Amino acid sequence: MAAKIKKGDKVVVMTGRSKGRVGEVIQVFPEENRAIIRGVNVVRRHQRQTASQEGGVISKEAPIHLSNVAIADPKDGKPTRVGFKVLDGGKKVRVAKRSGEQIDG
């Protein structure tokens, strides 16, 4: 099955404490159905000091379940579902169900 949400996509958070926020997908974990989105679901963690990293309380993004995010429509930025279309050359592309616009990526 082709991936509906990929790294670099603009997504809208649909539920949870970050509802309504828009961010870019940094990393996707397909086997866990989760993704890390820049600026969304930020948690604070205590970190021990290492040779390469400073200690203290740091903020970082935690993974969020893919069912709680939707792709932002390329036309107007509102949440949309994703469909697939095969172009004349045989290439399979993602399209926004809301506007029919092709999703880059």
PDB file of N, CA and C in Angstrom:
ATOM      1  N   MET A   1       0.850  -1.200   0.000  1.00  0.00           N
ATOM      2  CA  MET A   1       0.000   0.000   0.000  1.00  0.00           C
ATOM      3  C   MET A   1       0.884   1.249   0.000  1.00  0.00           C
ATOM      4  N   ALA A   2       0.565   2.170  -0.839  1.00  0.00           N
ATOM      5  CA  ALA A   2       1.335   3.420  -0.924  1.00  0.00           C
ATOM      6  C   ALA A   2       1.062   4.292   0.293  1.00  0.00           C
ATOM      7  N   ALA A   3       2.062   5.057   0.685  1.00  0.00           N
ATOM      8  CA  ALA A   3       1.932   5.909   1.865  1.00  0.00           C
ATOM      9  C   ALA A   3       1.092   7.138   1.539  1.00  0.00           C
ATOM     10  N   LYS A   4       0.158   7.463   2.434  1.00  0.00           N
ATOM     11  CA  LYS A   4      -0.670   8.644   2.234  1.00  0.00           C
ATOM     12  C   LYS A   4      -0.018   9.880   2.833  1.00  0.00           C
ATOM     13  N   ILE A   5       0.775   9.703   3.892  1.00  0.00           N
ATOM     14  CA  ILE A   5       1.477  10.821   4.512  1.00  0.00           C
ATOM     15  C   ILE A   5       2.964  10.522   4.458  1.00  0.00           C
ATOM     16  N   LYS A   6       3.726  11.477   3.920  1.00  0.00           N
ATOM     17  CA  LYS A   6       5.161  11.286   3.747  1.00  0.00           C
ATOM     18  C   LYS A   6       5.932  12.420   4.393  1.00  0.00           C
ATOM     19  N   LYS A   7       7.232  12.221   4.529  1.00  0.00           N
ATOM     20  CA  LYS A   7       8.126  13.247   5.059  1.00  0.00           C
ATOM     21  C   LYS A   7       8.055  14.495   4.178  1.00  0.00           C
ATOM     22  N   GLY A   8       7.947  15.651   4.815  1.00  0.00           N
ATOM     23  CA  GLY A   8       7.900  16.907   4.076  1.00  0.00           C
ATOM     24  C   GLY A   8       6.497  17.417   3.800  1.00  0.00           C
ATOM     25  N   ASP A   9       5.469  16.590   4.048  1.00  0.00           N
ATOM     26  CA  ASP A   9       4.081  17.014   3.827  1.00  0.00           C
ATOM     27  C   ASP A   9       3.648  18.044   4.867  1.00  0.00           C
ATOM     28  N   LYS A  10       2.754  18.943   4.454  1.00  0.00           N
ATOM     29  CA  LYS A  10       2.108  19.857   5.387  1.00  0.00           C
ATOM     30  C   LYS A  10       0.842  19.165   5.868  1.00  0.00           C
ATOM     31  N   VAL A  11       0.708  19.023   7.200  1.00  0.00           N
ATOM     32  CA  VAL A  11      -0.458  18.343   7.755  1.00  0.00           C
ATOM     33  C   VAL A  11      -1.153  19.216   8.798  1.00  0.00           C
ATOM     34  N   VAL A  12      -2.448  18.929   9.022  1.00  0.00           N
ATOM     35  CA  VAL A  12      -3.257  19.617  10.021  1.00  0.00           C
ATOM     36  C   VAL A  12      -3.599  18.597  11.091  1.00  0.00           C
ATOM     37  N   VAL A  13      -3.439  18.968  12.372  1.00  0.00           N
ATOM     38  CA  VAL A  13      -3.780  18.075  13.477  1.00  0.00           C
ATOM     39  C   VAL A  13      -5.280  18.181  13.725  1.00  0.00           C
ATOM     40  N   MET A  14      -5.966  17.028  13.748  1.00  0.00           N
ATOM     41  CA  MET A  14      -7.420  17.004  13.848  1.00  0.00           C
ATOM     42  C   MET A  14      -7.924  16.875  15.287  1.00  0.00           C
ATOM     43  N   THR A  15      -7.170  16.193  16.138  1.00  0.00           N
ATOM     44  CA  THR A  15      -7.622  15.973  17.515  1.00  0.00           C
ATOM     45  C   THR A  15      -6.464  16.131  18.480  1.00  0.00           C
ATOM     46  N   GLY A  16      -6.790  16.166  19.762  1.00  0.00           N
ATOM     47  CA  GLY A  16      -5.771  16.250  20.802  1.00  0.00           C
ATOM     48  C   GLY A  16      -5.482  17.680  21.197  1.00  0.00           C
ATOM     49  N   ARG A  17      -4.474  17.856  22.045  1.00  0.00           N
ATOM     50  CA  ARG A  17      -4.191  19.186  22.581  1.00  0.00           C
ATOM     51  C   ARG A  17      -3.583  20.121  21.543  1.00  0.00           C
ATOM     52  N   SER A  18      -3.093  19.577  20.435  1.00  0.00           N
ATOM     53  CA  SER A  18      -2.527  20.394  19.361  1.00  0.00           C
ATOM     54  C   SER A  18      -3.514  20.583  18.216  1.00  0.00           C
ATOM     55  N   LYS A  19      -4.812  20.377  18.465  1.00  0.00           N
ATOM     56  CA  LYS A  19      -5.839  20.438  17.427  1.00  0.00           C
ATOM     57  C   LYS A  19      -5.800  21.772  16.678  1.00  0.00           C
ATOM     58  N   GLY A  20      -5.855  21.688  15.347  1.00  0.00           N
ATOM     59  CA  GLY A  20      -5.868  22.886  14.517  1.00  0.00           C
ATOM     60  C   GLY A  20      -4.489  23.359  14.080  1.00  0.00           C
ATOM     61  N   ARG A  21      -3.443  22.849  14.717  1.00  0.00           N
ATOM     62  CA  ARG A  21      -2.082  23.272  14.362  1.00  0.00           C
ATOM     63  C   ARG A  21      -1.680  22.665  13.027  1.00  0.00           C
ATOM     64  N   VAL A  22      -0.875  23.428  12.298  1.00  0.00           N
ATOM     65  CA  VAL A  22      -0.351  22.962  11.010  1.00  0.00           C
ATOM     66  C   VAL A  22       1.151  22.826  11.144  1.00  0.00           C
ATOM     67  N   GLY A  23       1.703  21.757  10.624  1.00  0.00           N
ATOM     68  CA  GLY A  23       3.146  21.562  10.693  1.00  0.00           C
ATOM     69  C   GLY A  23       3.641  20.678   9.569  1.00  0.00           C
ATOM     70  N   GLU A  24       4.957  20.596   9.469  1.00  0.00           N
ATOM     71  CA  GLU A  24       5.591  19.783   8.436  1.00  0.00           C
ATOM     72  C   GLU A  24       6.025  18.454   9.050  1.00  0.00           C
ATOM     73  N   VAL A  25       5.810  17.374   8.322  1.00  0.00           N
ATOM     74  CA  VAL A  25       6.204  16.045   8.792  1.00  0.00           C
ATOM     75  C   VAL A  25       7.722  15.932   8.714  1.00  0.00           C
ATOM     76  N   ILE A  26       8.343  15.644   9.869  1.00  0.00           N
ATOM     77  CA  ILE A  26       9.793  15.492   9.937  1.00  0.00           C
ATOM     78  C   ILE A  26      10.186  14.043   9.675  1.00  0.00           C
ATOM     79  N   GLN A  27       9.413  13.116  10.273  1.00  0.00           N
ATOM     80  CA  GLN A  27       9.748  11.694  10.183  1.00  0.00           C
ATOM     81  C   GLN A  27       8.465  10.872  10.293  1.00  0.00           C
ATOM     82  N   VAL A  28       8.402   9.763   9.571  1.00  0.00           N
ATOM     83  CA  VAL A  28       7.237   8.876   9.620  1.00  0.00           C
ATOM     84  C   VAL A  28       7.694   7.491  10.061  1.00  0.00           C
ATOM     85  N   PHE A  29       6.913   6.870  10.952  1.00  0.00           N
ATOM     86  CA  PHE A  29       7.171   5.499  11.402  1.00  0.00           C
ATOM     87  C   PHE A  29       6.016   4.628  10.904  1.00  0.00           C
ATOM     88  N   PRO A  30       6.106   4.101   9.665  1.00  0.00           N
ATOM     89  CA  PRO A  30       4.966   3.381   9.082  1.00  0.00           C
ATOM     90  C   PRO A  30       4.556   2.136   9.866  1.00  0.00           C
ATOM     91  N   GLU A  31       5.520   1.446  10.464  1.00  0.00           N
ATOM     92  CA  GLU A  31       5.183   0.225  11.203  1.00  0.00           C
ATOM     93  C   GLU A  31       4.398   0.531  12.474  1.00  0.00           C
ATOM     94  N   GLU A  32       4.538   1.742  13.007  1.00  0.00           N
ATOM     95  CA  GLU A  32       3.801   2.142  14.222  1.00  0.00           C
ATOM     96  C   GLU A  32       2.628   3.064  13.899  1.00  0.00           C
ATOM     97  N   ASN A  33       2.456   3.431  12.612  1.00  0.00           N
ATOM     98  CA  ASN A  33       1.425   4.381  12.174  1.00  0.00           C
ATOM     99  C   ASN A  33       1.526   5.710  12.905  1.00  0.00           C
ATOM    100  N   ARG A  34       2.749   6.206  13.075  1.00  0.00           N
ATOM    101  CA  ARG A  34       2.976   7.474  13.771  1.00  0.00           C
ATOM    102  C   ARG A  34       3.907   8.363  12.963  1.00  0.00           C
ATOM    103  N   ALA A  35       3.871   9.660  13.285  1.00  0.00           N
ATOM    104  CA  ALA A  35       4.748  10.615  12.608  1.00  0.00           C
ATOM    105  C   ALA A  35       5.157  11.703  13.586  1.00  0.00           C
ATOM    106  N   ILE A  36       6.333  12.291  13.351  1.00  0.00           N
ATOM    107  CA  ILE A  36       6.778  13.435  14.130  1.00  0.00           C
ATOM    108  C   ILE A  36       6.555  14.664  13.269  1.00  0.00           C
ATOM    109  N   ILE A  37       5.858  15.658  13.838  1.00  0.00           N
ATOM    110  CA  ILE A  37       5.499  16.865  13.101  1.00  0.00           C
ATOM    111  C   ILE A  37       6.124  18.066  13.794  1.00  0.00           C
ATOM    112  N   ARG A  38       6.799  18.919  13.005  1.00  0.00           N
ATOM    113  CA  ARG A  38       7.511  20.079  13.557  1.00  0.00           C
ATOM    114  C   ARG A  38       6.546  21.018  14.289  1.00  0.00           C
ATOM    115  N   GLY A  39       6.848  21.283  15.566  1.00  0.00           N
ATOM    116  CA  GLY A  39       6.071  22.230  16.362  1.00  0.00           C
ATOM    117  C   GLY A  39       4.784  21.679  16.944  1.00  0.00           C
ATOM    118  N   VAL A  40       4.522  20.389  16.766  1.00  0.00           N
ATOM    119  CA  VAL A  40       3.281  19.779  17.248  1.00  0.00           C
ATOM    120  C   VAL A  40       3.605  18.689  18.264  1.00  0.00           C
ATOM    121  N   ASN A  41       2.785  18.578  19.309  1.00  0.00           N
ATOM    122  CA  ASN A  41       2.945  17.572  20.361  1.00  0.00           C
ATOM    123  C   ASN A  41       4.328  17.691  21.013  1.00  0.00           C
ATOM    124  N   VAL A  42       4.680  18.907  21.393  1.00  0.00           N
ATOM    125  CA  VAL A  42       5.985  19.169  22.008  1.00  0.00           C
ATOM    126  C   VAL A  42       5.943  18.765  23.474  1.00  0.00           C
ATOM    127  N   VAL A  43       6.912  17.949  23.881  1.00  0.00           N
ATOM    128  CA  VAL A  43       7.010  17.488  25.273  1.00  0.00           C
ATOM    129  C   VAL A  43       8.342  17.930  25.854  1.00  0.00           C
ATOM    130  N   ARG A  44       8.378  18.061  27.174  1.00  0.00           N
ATOM    131  CA  ARG A  44       9.617  18.445  27.845  1.00  0.00           C
ATOM    132  C   ARG A  44      10.183  17.219  28.546  1.00  0.00           C
ATOM    133  N   ARG A  45      11.463  16.956  28.327  1.00  0.00           N
ATOM    134  CA  ARG A  45      12.105  15.766  28.877  1.00  0.00           C
ATOM    135  C   ARG A  45      13.386  16.152  29.616  1.00  0.00           C
ATOM    136  N   HIS A  46      13.644  15.471  30.718  1.00  0.00           N
ATOM    137  CA  HIS A  46      14.909  15.650  31.428  1.00  0.00           C
ATOM    138  C   HIS A  46      15.952  14.823  30.706  1.00  0.00           C
ATOM    139  N   GLN A  47      17.118  15.417  30.481  1.00  0.00           N
ATOM    140  CA  GLN A  47      18.166  14.715  29.745  1.00  0.00           C
ATOM    141  C   GLN A  47      19.485  14.800  30.506  1.00  0.00           C
ATOM    142  N   ARG A  48      20.137  13.666  30.625  1.00  0.00           N
ATOM    143  CA  ARG A  48      21.442  13.619  31.270  1.00  0.00           C
ATOM    144  C   ARG A  48      22.494  14.183  30.331  1.00  0.00           C
ATOM    145  N   GLN A  49      23.477  14.826  30.892  1.00  0.00           N
ATOM    146  CA  GLN A  49      24.527  15.421  30.075  1.00  0.00           C
ATOM    147  C   GLN A  49      25.437  14.342  29.511  1.00  0.00           C
ATOM    148  N   THR A  50      25.775  14.494  28.218  1.00  0.00           N
ATOM    149  CA  THR A  50      26.721  13.583  27.578  1.00  0.00           C
ATOM    150  C   THR A  50      27.832  14.437  26.976  1.00  0.00           C
ATOM    151  N   ALA A  51      28.805  13.776  26.368  1.00  0.00           N
ATOM    152  CA  ALA A  51      29.917  14.500  25.763  1.00  0.00           C
ATOM    153  C   ALA A  51      29.435  15.396  24.619  1.00  0.00           C
ATOM    154  N   SER A  52      28.403  14.932  23.906  1.00  0.00           N
ATOM    155  CA  SER A  52      27.935  15.690  22.742  1.00  0.00           C
ATOM    156  C   SER A  52      26.749  16.599  23.053  1.00  0.00           C
ATOM    157  N   GLN A  53      25.992  16.288  24.126  1.00  0.00           N
ATOM    158  CA  GLN A  53      24.772  17.034  24.388  1.00  0.00           C
ATOM    159  C   GLN A  53      24.727  17.575  25.811  1.00  0.00           C
ATOM    160  N   GLU A  54      24.159  18.758  25.935  1.00  0.00           N
ATOM    161  CA  GLU A  54      24.042  19.408  27.234  1.00  0.00           C
ATOM    162  C   GLU A  54      22.908  18.772  28.031  1.00  0.00           C
ATOM    163  N   GLY A  55      23.038  18.778  29.338  1.00  0.00           N
ATOM    164  CA  GLY A  55      21.995  18.225  30.195  1.00  0.00           C
ATOM    165  C   GLY A  55      20.909  19.248  30.473  1.00  0.00           C
ATOM    166  N   GLY A  56      19.880  18.836  31.203  1.00  0.00           N
ATOM    167  CA  GLY A  56      18.801  19.739  31.591  1.00  0.00           C
ATOM    168  C   GLY A  56      17.485  19.327  30.976  1.00  0.00           C
ATOM    169  N   VAL A  57      16.498  20.231  31.051  1.00  0.00           N
ATOM    170  CA  VAL A  57      15.173  19.958  30.508  1.00  0.00           C
ATOM    171  C   VAL A  57      15.140  20.456  29.070  1.00  0.00           C
ATOM    172  N   ILE A  58      14.850  19.543  28.145  1.00  0.00           N
ATOM    173  CA  ILE A  58      14.798  19.914  26.731  1.00  0.00           C
ATOM    174  C   ILE A  58      13.377  19.713  26.204  1.00  0.00           C
ATOM    175  N   SER A  59      13.027  20.458  25.164  1.00  0.00           N
ATOM    176  CA  SER A  59      11.732  20.291  24.500  1.00  0.00           C
ATOM    177  C   SER A  59      11.957  19.592  23.174  1.00  0.00           C
ATOM    178  N   LYS A  60      11.121  18.601  22.890  1.00  0.00           N
ATOM    179  CA  LYS A  60      11.219  17.915  21.605  1.00  0.00           C
ATOM    180  C   LYS A  60       9.839  17.431  21.189  1.00  0.00           C
ATOM    181  N   GLU A  61       9.702  17.164  19.888  1.00  0.00           N
ATOM    182  CA  GLU A  61       8.422  16.694  19.373  1.00  0.00           C
ATOM    183  C   GLU A  61       8.280  15.192  19.614  1.00  0.00           C
ATOM    184  N   ALA A  62       7.109  14.793  20.091  1.00  0.00           N
ATOM    185  CA  ALA A  62       6.815  13.372  20.281  1.00  0.00           C
ATOM    186  C   ALA A  62       5.980  12.898  19.088  1.00  0.00           C
ATOM    187  N   PRO A  63       6.057  11.598  18.772  1.00  0.00           N
ATOM    188  CA  PRO A  63       5.263  11.081  17.649  1.00  0.00           C
ATOM    189  C   PRO A  63       3.762  11.203  17.919  1.00  0.00           C
ATOM    190  N   ILE A  64       3.004  11.423  16.857  1.00  0.00           N
ATOM    191  CA  ILE A  64       1.544  11.526  16.941  1.00  0.00           C
ATOM    192  C   ILE A  64       0.956  10.508  15.965  1.00  0.00           C
ATOM    193  N   HIS A  65      -0.176   9.911  16.322  1.00  0.00           N
ATOM    194  CA  HIS A  65      -0.766   8.863  15.494  1.00  0.00           C
ATOM    195  C   HIS A  65      -1.288   9.448  14.183  1.00  0.00           C
ATOM    196  N   LEU A  66      -1.089   8.707  13.084  1.00  0.00           N
ATOM    197  CA  LEU A  66      -1.473   9.196  11.760  1.00  0.00           C
ATOM    198  C   LEU A  66      -2.980   9.388  11.621  1.00  0.00           C
ATOM    199  N   SER A  67      -3.777   8.699  12.442  1.00  0.00           N
ATOM    200  CA  SER A  67      -5.228   8.869  12.364  1.00  0.00           C
ATOM    201  C   SER A  67      -5.655  10.236  12.887  1.00  0.00           C
ATOM    202  N   ASN A  68      -4.770  10.910  13.609  1.00  0.00           N
ATOM    203  CA  ASN A  68      -5.096  12.211  14.185  1.00  0.00           C
ATOM    204  C   ASN A  68      -4.625  13.385  13.337  1.00  0.00           C
ATOM    205  N   VAL A  69      -4.054  13.103  12.167  1.00  0.00           N
ATOM    206  CA  VAL A  69      -3.604  14.178  11.287  1.00  0.00           C
ATOM    207  C   VAL A  69      -4.194  13.980   9.888  1.00  0.00           C
ATOM    208  N   ALA A  70      -4.339  15.089   9.166  1.00  0.00           N
ATOM    209  CA  ALA A  70      -4.825  15.040   7.782  1.00  0.00           C
ATOM    210  C   ALA A  70      -3.943  15.945   6.940  1.00  0.00           C
ATOM    211  N   ILE A  71      -3.748  15.571   5.693  1.00  0.00           N
ATOM    212  CA  ILE A  71      -2.957  16.392   4.771  1.00  0.00           C
ATOM    213  C   ILE A  71      -3.657  17.725   4.568  1.00  0.00           C
ATOM    214  N   ALA A  72      -2.865  18.810   4.516  1.00  0.00           N
ATOM    215  CA  ALA A  72      -3.416  20.127   4.215  1.00  0.00           C
ATOM    216  C   ALA A  72      -3.587  20.236   2.700  1.00  0.00           C
ATOM    217  N   ASP A  73      -4.785  20.633   2.264  1.00  0.00           N
ATOM    218  CA  ASP A  73      -5.067  20.780   0.837  1.00  0.00           C
ATOM    219  C   ASP A  73      -4.118  21.812   0.224  1.00  0.00           C
ATOM    220  N   PRO A  74      -3.442  21.471  -0.887  1.00  0.00           N
ATOM    221  CA  PRO A  74      -2.499  22.414  -1.495  1.00  0.00           C
ATOM    222  C   PRO A  74      -3.167  23.716  -1.946  1.00  0.00           C
ATOM    223  N   LYS A  75      -4.471  23.677  -2.205  1.00  0.00           N
ATOM    224  CA  LYS A  75      -5.188  24.846  -2.698  1.00  0.00           C
ATOM    225  C   LYS A  75      -5.481  25.854  -1.579  1.00  0.00           C
ATOM    226  N   ASP A  76      -6.094  25.388  -0.477  1.00  0.00           N
ATOM    227  CA  ASP A  76      -6.516  26.324   0.570  1.00  0.00           C
ATOM    228  C   ASP A  76      -6.017  26.004   1.975  1.00  0.00           C
ATOM    229  N   GLY A  77      -5.246  24.932   2.142  1.00  0.00           N
ATOM    230  CA  GLY A  77      -4.662  24.624   3.448  1.00  0.00           C
ATOM    231  C   GLY A  77      -5.584  23.937   4.427  1.00  0.00           C
ATOM    232  N   LYS A  78      -6.817  23.638   4.016  1.00  0.00           N
ATOM    233  CA  LYS A  78      -7.760  22.950   4.908  1.00  0.00           C
ATOM    234  C   LYS A  78      -7.515  21.441   4.848  1.00  0.00           C
ATOM    235  N   PRO A  79      -7.909  20.717   5.904  1.00  0.00           N
ATOM    236  CA  PRO A  79      -7.655  19.269   5.921  1.00  0.00           C
ATOM    237  C   PRO A  79      -8.406  18.541   4.813  1.00  0.00           C
ATOM    238  N   THR A  80      -7.753  17.542   4.245  1.00  0.00           N
ATOM    239  CA  THR A  80      -8.372  16.753   3.186  1.00  0.00           C
ATOM    240  C   THR A  80      -7.935  15.301   3.294  1.00  0.00           C
ATOM    241  N   ARG A  81      -8.722  14.431   2.688  1.00  0.00           N
ATOM    242  CA  ARG A  81      -8.317  13.036   2.588  1.00  0.00           C
ATOM    243  C   ARG A  81      -7.462  12.880   1.334  1.00  0.00           C
ATOM    244  N   VAL A  82      -6.810  11.737   1.225  1.00  0.00           N
ATOM    245  CA  VAL A  82      -5.881  11.520   0.122  1.00  0.00           C
ATOM    246  C   VAL A  82      -6.368  10.368  -0.742  1.00  0.00           C
ATOM    247  N   GLY A  83      -6.332  10.597  -2.057  1.00  0.00           N
ATOM    248  CA  GLY A  83      -6.649   9.548  -3.002  1.00  0.00           C
ATOM    249  C   GLY A  83      -5.462   9.358  -3.938  1.00  0.00           C
ATOM    250  N   PHE A  84      -5.569   8.403  -4.824  1.00  0.00           N
ATOM    251  CA  PHE A  84      -4.497   8.138  -5.778  1.00  0.00           C
ATOM    252  C   PHE A  84      -5.037   8.171  -7.194  1.00  0.00           C
ATOM    253  N   LYS A  85      -4.195   8.620  -8.115  1.00  0.00           N
ATOM    254  CA  LYS A  85      -4.571   8.687  -9.520  1.00  0.00           C
ATOM    255  C   LYS A  85      -3.359   8.256 -10.336  1.00  0.00           C
ATOM    256  N   VAL A  86      -3.604   7.519 -11.407  1.00  0.00           N
ATOM    257  CA  VAL A  86      -2.515   7.097 -12.289  1.00  0.00           C
ATOM    258  C   VAL A  86      -2.500   8.040 -13.488  1.00  0.00           C
ATOM    259  N   LEU A  87      -1.367   8.692 -13.705  1.00  0.00           N
ATOM    260  CA  LEU A  87      -1.219   9.616 -14.825  1.00  0.00           C
ATOM    261  C   LEU A  87      -1.017   8.858 -16.125  1.00  0.00           C
ATOM    262  N   ASP A  88      -1.039   9.590 -17.258  1.00  0.00           N
ATOM    263  CA  ASP A  88      -0.905   8.968 -18.579  1.00  0.00           C
ATOM    264  C   ASP A  88       0.379   8.154 -18.717  1.00  0.00           C
ATOM    265  N   GLY A  89       1.470   8.645 -18.123  1.00  0.00           N
ATOM    266  CA  GLY A  89       2.751   7.956 -18.215  1.00  0.00           C
ATOM    267  C   GLY A  89       2.834   6.708 -17.345  1.00  0.00           C
ATOM    268  N   GLY A  90       1.774   6.431 -16.570  1.00  0.00           N
ATOM    269  CA  GLY A  90       1.767   5.266 -15.692  1.00  0.00           C
ATOM    270  C   GLY A  90       2.238   5.577 -14.293  1.00  0.00           C
ATOM    271  N   LYS A  91       2.528   6.855 -14.016  1.00  0.00           N
ATOM    272  CA  LYS A  91       3.002   7.243 -12.688  1.00  0.00           C
ATOM    273  C   LYS A  91       1.813   7.426 -11.746  1.00  0.00           C
ATOM    274  N   LYS A  92       1.921   6.877 -10.539  1.00  0.00           N
ATOM    275  CA  LYS A  92       0.863   6.965  -9.541  1.00  0.00           C
ATOM    276  C   LYS A  92       1.139   8.178  -8.649  1.00  0.00           C
ATOM    277  N   VAL A  93       0.173   9.070  -8.510  1.00  0.00           N
ATOM    278  CA  VAL A  93       0.359  10.277  -7.702  1.00  0.00           C
ATOM    279  C   VAL A  93      -0.760  10.394  -6.668  1.00  0.00           C
ATOM    280  N   ARG A  94      -0.460  11.150  -5.591  1.00  0.00           N
ATOM    281  CA  ARG A  94      -1.468  11.411  -4.567  1.00  0.00           C
ATOM    282  C   ARG A  94      -2.273  12.649  -4.963  1.00  0.00           C
ATOM    283  N   VAL A  95      -3.581  12.596  -4.739  1.00  0.00           N
ATOM    284  CA  VAL A  95      -4.438  13.750  -5.020  1.00  0.00           C
ATOM    285  C   VAL A  95      -5.295  14.054  -3.800  1.00  0.00           C
ATOM    286  N   ALA A  96      -5.595  15.344  -3.609  1.00  0.00           N
ATOM    287  CA  ALA A  96      -6.464  15.775  -2.513  1.00  0.00           C
ATOM    288  C   ALA A  96      -7.906  15.509  -2.921  1.00  0.00           C
ATOM    289  N   LYS A  97      -8.660  14.810  -2.083  1.00  0.00           N
ATOM    290  CA  LYS A  97     -10.050  14.488  -2.384  1.00  0.00           C
ATOM    291  C   LYS A  97     -10.905  15.756  -2.406  1.00  0.00           C
ATOM    292  N   ARG A  98     -10.513  16.755  -1.616  1.00  0.00           N
ATOM    293  CA  ARG A  98     -11.293  17.979  -1.449  1.00  0.00           C
ATOM    294  C   ARG A  98     -11.300  18.819  -2.723  1.00  0.00           C
ATOM    295  N   SER A  99     -10.126  19.013  -3.322  1.00  0.00           N
ATOM    296  CA  SER A  99     -10.023  19.902  -4.483  1.00  0.00           C
ATOM    297  C   SER A  99      -9.638  19.168  -5.767  1.00  0.00           C
ATOM    298  N   GLY A 100      -9.189  17.928  -5.643  1.00  0.00           N
ATOM    299  CA  GLY A 100      -8.742  17.179  -6.812  1.00  0.00           C
ATOM    300  C   GLY A 100      -7.323  17.562  -7.230  1.00  0.00           C
ATOM    301  N   GLU A 101      -6.685  18.444  -6.452  1.00  0.00           N
ATOM    302  CA  GLU A 101      -5.352  18.924  -6.756  1.00  0.00           C
ATOM    303  C   GLU A 101      -4.308  17.850  -6.436  1.00  0.00           C
ATOM    304  N   GLN A 102      -3.242  17.813  -7.231  1.00  0.00           N
ATOM    305  CA  GLN A 102      -2.155  16.858  -7.006  1.00  0.00           C
ATOM    306  C   GLN A 102      -1.308  17.296  -5.826  1.00  0.00           C
ATOM    307  N   ILE A 103      -0.947  16.344  -4.973  1.00  0.00           N
ATOM    308  CA  ILE A 103      -0.118  16.626  -3.807  1.00  0.00           C
ATOM    309  C   ILE A 103       1.337  16.383  -4.201  1.00  0.00           C
ATOM    310  N   ASP A 104       2.180  17.392  -4.012  1.00  0.00           N
ATOM    311  CA  ASP A 104       3.596  17.255  -4.360  1.00  0.00           C
ATOM    312  C   ASP A 104       4.281  16.312  -3.404  1.00  0.00           C
ATOM    313  N   GLY A 105       5.339  15.661  -3.894  1.00  0.00           N
ATOM    314  CA  GLY A 105       6.114  14.817  -2.994  1.00  0.00           C
ATOM    315  C   GLY A 105       6.494  13.523  -3.556  1.00  0.00           C
TER     316      GLY A 105
END
